[in-house]
């Protein structure tokens, strides 16, 4: 899971591929973490993983059955001190 600033909700989605197909990703906010505000902790940048290996934010790949894609959305920075 993405390490985010202190928060109740965190994001991340995983899908296992069942048929041969083409994957195209166009995602942003993969290099810089969102900043916290008013003393809150910084969030984390997002990540795209294919079978556990990191992918760039924008790419295309051929997938085979059993490939596992994980998209971890950027974690928002926390607000306020803990």
C-alpha atoms as a PDB file:
ATOM      1  CA  UNK A   1       0.000   0.000   0.000  1.00  0.00           C
ATOM      2  CA  UNK A   2       1.107   3.574  -0.555  1.00  0.00           C
ATOM      3  CA  UNK A   3       2.597   5.259   2.486  1.00  0.00           C
ATOM      4  CA  UNK A   4       0.509   8.369   2.919  1.00  0.00           C
ATOM      5  CA  UNK A   5       0.344  11.147   5.447  1.00  0.00           C
ATOM      6  CA  UNK A   6      -1.715  10.293   8.517  1.00  0.00           C
ATOM      7  CA  UNK A   7      -5.197   9.583   7.230  1.00  0.00           C
ATOM      8  CA  UNK A   8      -8.054   7.137   7.539  1.00  0.00           C
ATOM      9  CA  UNK A   9      -8.389   6.345   3.825  1.00  0.00           C
ATOM     10  CA  UNK A  10      -5.591   5.159   1.538  1.00  0.00           C
ATOM     11  CA  UNK A  11      -5.692   4.261  -2.159  1.00  0.00           C
ATOM     12  CA  UNK A  12      -4.429   1.338  -4.219  1.00  0.00           C
ATOM     13  CA  UNK A  13      -5.965  -1.064  -6.743  1.00  0.00           C
ATOM     14  CA  UNK A  14      -4.725  -4.452  -7.975  1.00  0.00           C
ATOM     15  CA  UNK A  15      -6.049  -6.482 -10.908  1.00  0.00           C
ATOM     16  CA  UNK A  16      -5.004  -9.882 -12.258  1.00  0.00           C
ATOM     17  CA  UNK A  17      -5.138 -10.193 -16.024  1.00  0.00           C
ATOM     18  CA  UNK A  18      -7.190 -13.102 -17.446  1.00  0.00           C
ATOM     19  CA  UNK A  19      -6.669 -12.726 -21.211  1.00  0.00           C
ATOM     20  CA  UNK A  20      -3.849 -11.473 -23.464  1.00  0.00           C
ATOM     21  CA  UNK A  21      -4.260  -7.722 -23.917  1.00  0.00           C
ATOM     22  CA  UNK A  22      -2.427  -4.416 -24.294  1.00  0.00           C
ATOM     23  CA  UNK A  23      -1.963  -2.134 -21.287  1.00  0.00           C
ATOM     24  CA  UNK A  24      -1.598   1.624 -21.726  1.00  0.00           C
ATOM     25  CA  UNK A  25      -0.977   3.812 -18.679  1.00  0.00           C
ATOM     26  CA  UNK A  26      -1.089   7.582 -18.582  1.00  0.00           C
ATOM     27  CA  UNK A  27      -0.637   8.668 -14.976  1.00  0.00           C
ATOM     28  CA  UNK A  28       0.871  11.627 -13.152  1.00  0.00           C
ATOM     29  CA  UNK A  29       2.264  12.540  -9.743  1.00  0.00           C
ATOM     30  CA  UNK A  30       4.695   9.609  -9.681  1.00  0.00           C
ATOM     31  CA  UNK A  31       7.873  11.558  -8.855  1.00  0.00           C
ATOM     32  CA  UNK A  32       6.960  14.124  -6.174  1.00  0.00           C
ATOM     33  CA  UNK A  33       5.086  13.519  -2.919  1.00  0.00           C
ATOM     34  CA  UNK A  34       2.153  15.800  -2.034  1.00  0.00           C
ATOM     35  CA  UNK A  35       3.097  18.114   0.842  1.00  0.00           C
ATOM     36  CA  UNK A  36       1.273  18.119   4.159  1.00  0.00           C
ATOM     37  CA  UNK A  37      -0.340  21.297   5.464  1.00  0.00           C
ATOM     38  CA  UNK A  38      -0.602  22.921   8.900  1.00  0.00           C
ATOM     39  CA  UNK A  39       1.909  20.446  10.379  1.00  0.00           C
ATOM     40  CA  UNK A  40       0.522  17.359   8.645  1.00  0.00           C
ATOM     41  CA  UNK A  41       2.856  14.697   7.261  1.00  0.00           C
ATOM     42  CA  UNK A  42       3.749  14.573   3.582  1.00  0.00           C
ATOM     43  CA  UNK A  43       1.932  12.052   1.430  1.00  0.00           C
ATOM     44  CA  UNK A  44       3.586   9.685  -1.044  1.00  0.00           C
ATOM     45  CA  UNK A  45       3.885   9.710  -4.824  1.00  0.00           C
ATOM     46  CA  UNK A  46       1.865   7.128  -6.720  1.00  0.00           C
ATOM     47  CA  UNK A  47       3.342   3.957  -8.231  1.00  0.00           C
ATOM     48  CA  UNK A  48       2.437   1.592 -11.049  1.00  0.00           C
ATOM     49  CA  UNK A  49       3.613  -2.011 -10.663  1.00  0.00           C
ATOM     50  CA  UNK A  50       3.454  -4.952 -13.058  1.00  0.00           C
ATOM     51  CA  UNK A  51       4.169  -8.259 -11.312  1.00  0.00           C
ATOM     52  CA  UNK A  52       5.859  -6.281  -8.533  1.00  0.00           C
ATOM     53  CA  UNK A  53       8.194  -4.340 -10.852  1.00  0.00           C
ATOM     54  CA  UNK A  54       7.775  -0.578 -11.056  1.00  0.00           C
ATOM     55  CA  UNK A  55       6.524   0.913 -14.325  1.00  0.00           C
ATOM     56  CA  UNK A  56       6.897   4.516 -15.494  1.00  0.00           C
ATOM     57  CA  UNK A  57       3.897   6.835 -15.243  1.00  0.00           C
ATOM     58  CA  UNK A  58       3.267   6.648 -18.991  1.00  0.00           C
ATOM     59  CA  UNK A  59       3.866   3.363 -20.819  1.00  0.00           C
ATOM     60  CA  UNK A  60       2.381   0.540 -22.884  1.00  0.00           C
ATOM     61  CA  UNK A  61       2.935  -3.194 -22.369  1.00  0.00           C
ATOM     62  CA  UNK A  62       1.564  -6.478 -23.696  1.00  0.00           C
ATOM     63  CA  UNK A  63       0.007  -8.491 -20.876  1.00  0.00           C
ATOM     64  CA  UNK A  64      -0.447 -12.239 -20.597  1.00  0.00           C
ATOM     65  CA  UNK A  65      -2.856 -14.187 -18.367  1.00  0.00           C
ATOM     66  CA  UNK A  66      -1.683 -14.085 -14.762  1.00  0.00           C
ATOM     67  CA  UNK A  67       0.047 -10.695 -14.978  1.00  0.00           C
ATOM     68  CA  UNK A  68      -0.807  -8.567 -11.940  1.00  0.00           C
ATOM     69  CA  UNK A  69      -1.127  -4.787 -12.299  1.00  0.00           C
ATOM     70  CA  UNK A  70      -1.120  -2.606  -9.194  1.00  0.00           C
ATOM     71  CA  UNK A  71      -1.870   1.114  -9.396  1.00  0.00           C
ATOM     72  CA  UNK A  72      -1.127   3.008  -6.195  1.00  0.00           C
ATOM     73  CA  UNK A  73      -2.626   6.466  -6.421  1.00  0.00           C
ATOM     74  CA  UNK A  74      -0.716   9.386  -4.888  1.00  0.00           C
ATOM     75  CA  UNK A  75      -1.414   9.696  -1.170  1.00  0.00           C
ATOM     76  CA  UNK A  76      -2.610  13.108  -0.142  1.00  0.00           C
ATOM     77  CA  UNK A  77      -0.616  15.002   2.438  1.00  0.00           C
ATOM     78  CA  UNK A  78      -2.043  15.106   5.947  1.00  0.00           C
ATOM     79  CA  UNK A  79      -3.623  18.214   7.455  1.00  0.00           C
ATOM     80  CA  UNK A  80      -2.916  19.283  11.027  1.00  0.00           C
ATOM     81  CA  UNK A  81      -0.603  17.851  13.645  1.00  0.00           C
ATOM     82  CA  UNK A  82      -1.206  14.303  14.937  1.00  0.00           C
END
